[in-house]
């Protein structure tokens, strides 16, 4: 996956985190936001070499 696509996926997931908080409220969205953050971190680690360019 190219750098642009990886960044697009990460931006989408961050937007999803914000939307969860907006819709569910901070307390109810906390577990979902944490889970999405773990996915973001996993993607960043997996595609680390591509993101460095």
N, C-alpha and C. Protein backbone atom coordinates (compact mmCIF):
# COMPACT_ATOMS: atom_id res chain seq x y z
N UNK A 1 0.87 -1.17 0.00
CA UNK A 1 0.00 0.00 0.00
C UNK A 1 0.91 1.21 0.00
N UNK A 2 0.59 2.19 -0.81
CA UNK A 2 1.42 3.39 -0.90
C UNK A 2 1.24 4.32 0.28
N UNK A 3 2.19 5.23 0.40
CA UNK A 3 2.17 6.21 1.50
C UNK A 3 0.88 7.02 1.53
N UNK A 4 0.42 7.46 0.37
CA UNK A 4 -0.81 8.26 0.31
C UNK A 4 -2.00 7.47 0.81
N UNK A 5 -2.08 6.21 0.44
CA UNK A 5 -3.21 5.38 0.86
C UNK A 5 -3.16 5.10 2.36
N UNK A 6 -1.97 4.84 2.89
CA UNK A 6 -1.81 4.62 4.32
C UNK A 6 -2.25 5.87 5.09
N UNK A 7 -1.80 7.03 4.64
CA UNK A 7 -2.19 8.28 5.30
C UNK A 7 -3.69 8.52 5.21
N UNK A 8 -4.29 8.17 4.08
CA UNK A 8 -5.73 8.33 3.91
C UNK A 8 -6.49 7.43 4.89
N UNK A 9 -6.05 6.21 5.06
CA UNK A 9 -6.69 5.29 6.00
C UNK A 9 -6.57 5.81 7.42
N UNK A 10 -5.40 6.30 7.78
CA UNK A 10 -5.19 6.83 9.13
C UNK A 10 -6.07 8.06 9.36
N UNK A 11 -6.15 8.95 8.38
CA UNK A 11 -7.02 10.13 8.50
C UNK A 11 -8.48 9.71 8.68
N UNK A 12 -8.90 8.70 7.91
CA UNK A 12 -10.26 8.20 8.04
C UNK A 12 -10.53 7.68 9.45
N UNK A 13 -9.59 6.89 9.98
CA UNK A 13 -9.77 6.32 11.31
C UNK A 13 -9.80 7.40 12.39
N UNK A 14 -8.97 8.42 12.23
CA UNK A 14 -8.99 9.52 13.20
C UNK A 14 -10.31 10.28 13.13
N UNK A 15 -10.83 10.43 11.92
CA UNK A 15 -12.14 11.05 11.76
C UNK A 15 -13.23 10.21 12.41
N UNK A 16 -13.09 8.90 12.30
CA UNK A 16 -14.05 8.00 12.92
C UNK A 16 -14.01 8.14 14.44
N UNK A 17 -12.82 8.30 14.99
CA UNK A 17 -12.71 8.52 16.43
C UNK A 17 -13.49 9.78 16.83
N UNK A 18 -13.29 10.84 16.11
CA UNK A 18 -13.97 12.10 16.42
C UNK A 18 -15.47 11.95 16.29
N UNK A 19 -15.91 11.24 15.25
CA UNK A 19 -17.35 11.05 15.04
C UNK A 19 -17.96 10.21 16.16
N UNK A 20 -17.25 9.20 16.62
CA UNK A 20 -17.75 8.39 17.74
C UNK A 20 -17.97 9.26 18.97
N UNK A 21 -17.01 10.14 19.25
CA UNK A 21 -17.14 11.03 20.41
C UNK A 21 -18.31 11.98 20.20
N UNK A 22 -18.47 12.52 19.00
CA UNK A 22 -19.57 13.44 18.72
C UNK A 22 -20.93 12.77 18.86
N UNK A 23 -21.04 11.53 18.41
CA UNK A 23 -22.33 10.84 18.41
C UNK A 23 -22.62 10.20 19.76
N UNK A 24 -21.63 9.51 20.33
CA UNK A 24 -21.87 8.74 21.55
C UNK A 24 -21.54 9.50 22.83
N UNK A 25 -20.73 10.53 22.71
CA UNK A 25 -20.24 11.22 23.89
C UNK A 25 -18.92 10.62 24.31
N UNK A 26 -18.14 11.41 25.01
CA UNK A 26 -16.78 11.00 25.36
C UNK A 26 -16.73 9.71 26.18
N UNK A 27 -17.60 9.60 27.18
CA UNK A 27 -17.56 8.42 28.05
C UNK A 27 -17.93 7.15 27.31
N UNK A 28 -19.01 7.18 26.54
CA UNK A 28 -19.46 5.98 25.83
C UNK A 28 -18.53 5.61 24.68
N UNK A 29 -17.85 6.57 24.12
CA UNK A 29 -16.98 6.31 22.98
C UNK A 29 -15.57 5.89 23.39
N UNK A 30 -15.26 5.98 24.67
CA UNK A 30 -13.88 5.77 25.12
C UNK A 30 -13.31 4.42 24.66
N UNK A 31 -14.03 3.34 24.85
CA UNK A 31 -13.51 2.01 24.47
C UNK A 31 -13.30 1.92 22.96
N UNK A 32 -14.25 2.45 22.19
CA UNK A 32 -14.12 2.43 20.73
C UNK A 32 -12.94 3.26 20.27
N UNK A 33 -12.78 4.43 20.85
CA UNK A 33 -11.68 5.32 20.49
C UNK A 33 -10.33 4.65 20.79
N UNK A 34 -10.24 3.98 21.92
CA UNK A 34 -9.00 3.28 22.28
C UNK A 34 -8.72 2.14 21.31
N UNK A 35 -9.76 1.41 20.93
CA UNK A 35 -9.58 0.30 19.99
C UNK A 35 -9.13 0.82 18.62
N UNK A 36 -9.75 1.90 18.16
CA UNK A 36 -9.36 2.49 16.88
C UNK A 36 -7.92 2.99 16.95
N UNK A 37 -7.52 3.57 18.09
CA UNK A 37 -6.15 4.05 18.25
C UNK A 37 -5.15 2.91 18.14
N UNK A 38 -5.49 1.76 18.69
CA UNK A 38 -4.61 0.59 18.57
C UNK A 38 -4.46 0.17 17.11
N UNK A 39 -5.55 0.24 16.35
CA UNK A 39 -5.49 -0.09 14.93
C UNK A 39 -4.58 0.91 14.20
N UNK A 40 -4.73 2.20 14.52
CA UNK A 40 -3.89 3.23 13.90
C UNK A 40 -2.42 2.94 14.19
N UNK A 41 -2.11 2.63 15.44
CA UNK A 41 -0.72 2.36 15.82
C UNK A 41 -0.20 1.12 15.12
N UNK A 42 -1.03 0.10 14.97
CA UNK A 42 -0.63 -1.12 14.27
C UNK A 42 -0.33 -0.82 12.81
N UNK A 43 -1.16 -0.03 12.17
CA UNK A 43 -0.94 0.35 10.78
C UNK A 43 0.37 1.13 10.65
N UNK A 44 0.58 2.08 11.56
CA UNK A 44 1.80 2.88 11.51
C UNK A 44 3.05 2.02 11.68
N UNK A 45 2.99 1.04 12.57
CA UNK A 45 4.14 0.15 12.76
C UNK A 45 4.36 -0.74 11.54
N UNK A 46 3.28 -1.29 11.00
CA UNK A 46 3.38 -2.21 9.88
C UNK A 46 3.91 -1.51 8.64
N UNK A 47 3.47 -0.27 8.40
CA UNK A 47 3.88 0.48 7.22
C UNK A 47 4.92 1.55 7.53
N UNK A 48 5.66 1.37 8.61
CA UNK A 48 6.64 2.36 9.07
C UNK A 48 7.62 2.78 7.97
N UNK A 49 8.14 1.82 7.23
CA UNK A 49 9.12 2.15 6.19
C UNK A 49 8.51 3.03 5.11
N UNK A 50 7.27 2.75 4.74
CA UNK A 50 6.62 3.55 3.70
C UNK A 50 6.31 4.95 4.19
N UNK A 51 6.01 5.09 5.46
CA UNK A 51 5.65 6.40 6.01
C UNK A 51 6.86 7.31 6.19
N UNK A 52 8.07 6.75 6.25
CA UNK A 52 9.28 7.55 6.46
C UNK A 52 9.68 8.35 5.22
N UNK A 53 9.33 7.87 4.05
CA UNK A 53 9.74 8.55 2.81
C UNK A 53 9.16 9.94 2.70
